[in-house]
Protein backbone atom coordinates (compact mmCIF):
# COMPACT_ATOMS: atom_id res chain seq x y z
CA UNK A 1 286.23 122.88 5.92
CA UNK A 2 287.33 126.48 6.34
CA UNK A 3 285.92 128.49 9.24
CA UNK A 4 285.99 132.18 8.24
CA UNK A 5 285.05 135.12 10.50
CA UNK A 6 283.11 137.94 8.89
CA UNK A 7 283.69 141.65 9.42
CA UNK A 8 280.86 143.79 8.03
CA UNK A 9 281.64 147.50 7.73
CA UNK A 10 279.33 150.49 7.83
CA UNK A 11 280.66 154.03 8.39
CA UNK A 12 283.98 152.58 9.52
CA UNK A 13 282.38 150.46 12.23
CA UNK A 14 281.90 146.70 12.61
CA UNK A 15 278.19 145.96 12.34
CA UNK A 16 275.71 143.19 11.59
CA UNK A 17 272.42 143.33 9.74
CA UNK A 18 269.41 141.08 10.15
CA UNK A 19 268.20 139.52 6.88
CA UNK A 20 270.12 142.22 5.01
CA UNK A 21 267.86 144.93 6.43
CA UNK A 22 269.80 148.20 6.74
CA UNK A 23 267.22 149.47 9.22
CA UNK A 24 268.13 146.59 11.54
CA UNK A 25 271.80 147.43 11.97
CA UNK A 26 273.68 146.67 15.18
CA UNK A 27 277.11 148.15 15.93
CA UNK A 28 279.53 145.74 17.62
CA UNK A 29 282.85 147.56 17.46
CA UNK A 30 284.30 150.89 16.34
CA UNK A 31 287.77 149.56 15.46
CA UNK A 32 287.67 147.03 12.57
CA UNK A 33 291.42 146.42 12.69
CA UNK A 34 291.25 145.44 16.36
CA UNK A 35 288.53 142.92 15.51
CA UNK A 36 290.56 141.57 12.58
CA UNK A 37 293.67 141.16 14.74
CA UNK A 38 291.68 139.34 17.42
CA UNK A 39 290.37 136.82 14.90
CA UNK A 40 293.88 136.38 13.50
CA UNK A 41 295.24 135.71 16.98
CA UNK A 42 292.48 133.16 17.56
CA UNK A 43 293.57 131.20 14.50
CA UNK A 44 291.38 132.41 11.62
CA UNK A 45 292.73 131.16 8.28
CA UNK A 46 291.31 134.19 6.48
CA UNK A 47 288.82 137.04 6.92
CA UNK A 48 285.64 137.84 5.03
CA UNK A 49 285.17 141.62 4.90
CA UNK A 50 282.06 143.30 3.47
CA UNK A 51 281.59 147.00 2.73
CA UNK A 52 277.85 147.20 3.39
CA UNK A 53 277.58 150.82 2.26
CA UNK A 54 279.44 149.88 -0.90
CA UNK A 55 276.99 147.04 -1.57
CA UNK A 56 274.10 149.45 -1.10
CA UNK A 57 275.50 152.34 -3.15
CA UNK A 58 277.46 150.48 -5.81
CA UNK A 59 280.96 151.74 -5.03
CA UNK A 60 283.40 151.41 -2.13
CA UNK A 61 282.63 153.47 0.96
CA UNK A 62 284.87 151.82 3.56
CA UNK A 63 288.12 151.52 1.59
CA UNK A 64 290.25 153.12 4.35
CA UNK A 65 288.99 150.58 6.90
CA UNK A 66 289.58 147.71 4.47
CA UNK A 67 293.10 149.00 3.79
CA UNK A 68 293.93 149.07 7.50
CA UNK A 69 292.76 145.47 7.87
CA UNK A 70 294.67 144.20 4.82
CA UNK A 71 297.87 145.96 5.88
CA UNK A 72 297.42 145.12 9.57
CA UNK A 73 297.05 141.33 9.44
CA UNK A 74 299.16 138.54 7.95
CA UNK A 75 296.30 136.24 6.91
CA UNK A 76 294.42 136.45 3.59
CA UNK A 77 291.51 138.86 3.36
CA UNK A 78 288.61 138.56 0.94
CA UNK A 79 286.51 141.67 0.31
CA UNK A 80 283.08 142.29 -1.15
CA UNK A 81 280.56 145.10 -1.39
CA UNK A 82 280.26 147.63 -4.20
CA UNK A 83 282.87 146.09 -6.51
CA UNK A 84 281.20 146.72 -9.85
CA UNK A 85 283.96 148.08 -12.11
CA UNK A 86 287.28 146.74 -13.35
CA UNK A 87 288.94 149.81 -11.82
CA UNK A 88 287.61 148.95 -8.37
CA UNK A 89 288.69 145.34 -8.78
CA UNK A 90 292.23 146.46 -9.64
CA UNK A 91 292.29 148.92 -6.76
CA UNK A 92 291.57 146.14 -4.27
CA UNK A 93 294.02 143.72 -5.91
CA UNK A 94 296.72 146.40 -5.79
CA UNK A 95 295.93 146.85 -2.09
CA UNK A 96 296.76 143.21 -1.49
CA UNK A 97 293.28 141.73 -1.12
CA UNK A 98 293.52 137.97 -1.67
CA UNK A 99 290.04 137.43 -3.09
CA UNK A 100 287.47 139.80 -4.53
CA UNK A 101 283.81 138.95 -3.94
CA UNK A 102 281.29 140.23 -6.48
CA UNK A 103 277.57 139.70 -6.84
CA UNK A 104 275.51 142.41 -8.47
CA UNK A 105 277.89 142.99 -11.38
CA UNK A 106 277.68 139.32 -12.39
CA UNK A 107 273.91 139.66 -12.64
CA UNK A 108 273.45 143.19 -13.97
CA UNK A 109 276.56 143.83 -16.06
CA UNK A 110 277.78 140.58 -17.67
CA UNK A 111 280.26 142.33 -19.99
CA UNK A 112 282.09 143.99 -17.10
CA UNK A 113 281.98 140.76 -15.14
CA UNK A 114 283.59 138.86 -18.01
CA UNK A 115 286.41 141.43 -18.06
CA UNK A 116 286.85 140.94 -14.33
CA UNK A 117 286.93 137.18 -14.76
CA UNK A 118 289.54 137.40 -17.50
CA UNK A 119 291.67 139.70 -15.35
CA UNK A 120 291.57 137.84 -12.06
CA UNK A 121 289.88 134.45 -12.33
CA UNK A 122 291.82 132.86 -9.48
CA UNK A 123 291.14 135.85 -7.21
CA UNK A 124 287.44 136.25 -7.98
CA UNK A 125 284.49 134.79 -6.08
CA UNK A 126 280.81 135.20 -6.89
CA UNK A 127 278.42 135.71 -4.02
CA UNK A 128 275.11 133.99 -4.68
CA UNK A 129 272.72 135.77 -2.35
CA UNK A 130 269.56 133.71 -2.42
CA UNK A 131 266.07 134.38 -1.16
CA UNK A 132 263.44 131.68 -1.82
CA UNK A 133 265.56 130.23 -4.60
CA UNK A 134 266.12 133.50 -6.48
CA UNK A 135 269.01 135.94 -6.48
CA UNK A 136 268.97 139.20 -4.54
CA UNK A 137 271.38 141.99 -5.56
CA UNK A 138 272.42 145.56 -4.69
CA UNK A 139 273.05 144.84 -1.05
CA UNK A 140 270.05 142.46 -1.10
CA UNK A 141 267.75 145.43 -1.62
CA UNK A 142 266.67 144.25 -5.08
CA UNK A 143 265.05 140.88 -5.70
CA UNK A 144 265.56 139.37 -9.15
CA UNK A 145 263.60 136.73 -11.10
CA UNK A 146 266.85 134.83 -11.72
CA UNK A 147 266.84 131.28 -10.41
CA UNK A 148 270.04 130.73 -8.42
CA UNK A 149 270.97 127.18 -9.35
CA UNK A 150 270.79 127.78 -13.09
CA UNK A 151 272.77 130.98 -12.75
CA UNK A 152 275.47 129.17 -10.78
CA UNK A 153 275.74 126.47 -13.45
CA UNK A 154 276.19 129.11 -16.16
CA UNK A 155 278.91 130.86 -14.18
CA UNK A 156 280.73 127.58 -13.63
CA UNK A 157 280.66 126.99 -17.38
CA UNK A 158 282.19 130.45 -17.86
CA UNK A 159 285.06 129.45 -15.61
CA UNK A 160 284.15 130.86 -12.20
CA UNK A 161 286.10 128.94 -9.57
CA UNK A 162 284.81 130.27 -6.24
CA UNK A 163 281.24 130.68 -4.94
CA UNK A 164 279.71 131.94 -1.71
CA UNK A 165 276.14 130.88 -1.00
CA UNK A 166 274.12 133.08 1.37
CA UNK A 167 270.61 132.26 2.50
CA UNK A 168 269.40 135.85 2.84
CA UNK A 169 266.33 134.86 4.83
CA UNK A 170 268.58 133.41 7.56
CA UNK A 171 271.45 135.90 7.58
CA UNK A 172 271.92 137.63 10.90
CA UNK A 173 268.96 135.86 12.51
CA UNK A 174 270.78 133.20 14.56
CA UNK A 175 267.95 130.86 13.54
CA UNK A 176 270.33 128.18 12.36
CA UNK A 177 271.33 127.13 8.86
CA UNK A 178 268.75 125.44 6.66
CA UNK A 179 271.08 122.65 5.62
CA UNK A 180 268.57 121.09 3.26
CA UNK A 181 268.42 124.33 1.27
CA UNK A 182 272.21 124.25 1.03
CA UNK A 183 272.30 120.56 0.14
CA UNK A 184 269.67 120.97 -2.61
CA UNK A 185 271.46 123.98 -4.05
CA UNK A 186 274.83 122.23 -4.23
CA UNK A 187 273.33 119.11 -5.77
CA UNK A 188 271.25 121.03 -8.32
CA UNK A 189 273.92 123.54 -9.31
CA UNK A 190 276.95 121.27 -9.26
CA UNK A 191 279.13 123.97 -7.70
CA UNK A 192 281.07 123.86 -4.45
CA UNK A 193 280.40 126.71 -2.05
CA UNK A 194 281.36 128.51 1.10
CA UNK A 195 278.15 129.00 3.10
CA UNK A 196 276.98 132.10 4.94
CA UNK A 197 273.78 133.03 6.71
CA UNK A 198 272.13 131.96 9.93
CA UNK A 199 274.87 130.02 11.73
CA UNK A 200 273.73 129.75 15.35
CA UNK A 201 276.02 127.26 17.06
CA UNK A 202 278.44 124.41 16.49
CA UNK A 203 275.68 122.04 15.39
CA UNK A 204 275.25 124.10 12.23
CA UNK A 205 278.94 123.74 11.49
CA UNK A 206 278.90 119.98 12.06
CA UNK A 207 275.84 119.64 9.82
CA UNK A 208 277.40 121.72 7.03
CA UNK A 209 280.58 119.70 7.32
CA UNK A 210 278.63 116.59 6.32
CA UNK A 211 277.40 118.08 3.03
CA UNK A 212 279.58 117.22 0.00
CA UNK A 213 280.53 120.39 -1.85
CA UNK A 214 280.56 122.68 1.21
CA UNK A 215 284.11 123.97 1.44
CA UNK A 216 283.68 126.35 4.33
CA UNK A 217 281.39 128.50 6.42
CA UNK A 218 281.42 132.22 7.15
CA UNK A 219 280.69 133.05 10.77
CA UNK A 220 279.11 136.37 11.65
CA UNK A 221 276.64 137.34 14.31
CA UNK A 222 277.17 134.14 16.31
CA UNK A 223 280.73 135.29 17.01
CA UNK A 224 279.71 138.80 17.99
CA UNK A 225 276.90 137.79 20.32
CA UNK A 226 279.00 135.13 22.02
CA UNK A 227 276.95 132.11 20.99
CA UNK A 228 280.14 130.85 19.31
CA UNK A 229 283.71 131.32 20.51
CA UNK A 230 286.01 131.21 17.51
CA UNK A 231 289.05 129.75 19.27
CA UNK A 232 286.97 127.07 20.98
CA UNK A 233 285.13 126.05 17.83
CA UNK A 234 288.42 125.74 15.97
CA UNK A 235 289.76 123.41 18.63
CA UNK A 236 286.59 121.28 18.62
CA UNK A 237 286.62 121.04 14.83
CA UNK A 238 290.28 120.14 14.69
CA UNK A 239 291.71 123.35 13.26
CA UNK A 240 290.87 126.08 10.77
CA UNK A 241 290.75 123.63 7.85
CA UNK A 242 288.69 120.99 9.64
């Protein structure tokens, strides 16, 4: 199971939100590249970078910071947030981003999403941001009536290979992962996922590791508050692909 540190960007700074609430934003560092290099040195197999302003506004806002990270580390970087056009997708691929994470465009603009999928299927991941079983989009500011498991099944049938499942109600709370929610989603949808949202300590990672279909976990606030030490958790879990 992959253990992936998250770097969320807002105004060029490393921040974390609570439950996706932009009014509950905490700044943890002013140098995203320094944070990225630290995680690389600690053994991260890849980085999960999110342009929070881009997610909110629908177009990239932290491209310079993303570019510094991609050019400044040797490990793969996946990027999401505000990627809603083919042009933006190509811009990130040309930059050297290993995987592009989209969400809103898959829900709100299926035609553009299908073009993206045809262009970069292997490099495309869909973020399923779920609140009470239904998808949230536009930086989680907009709740939809779309049931997440059915939507995931339809995307799998279209040929989507990579999924990220985020429990929005837990993200940034350090309340712990609701593993039963994850287990039910994977079983009902039939898709394998990387999980994000609510990781508090190593028990969450052990519990997720036991769920068939969970390929990895994205670690955010727990790393920044010190409740998890990335190097130590890697050693306990037996490496980055534990």
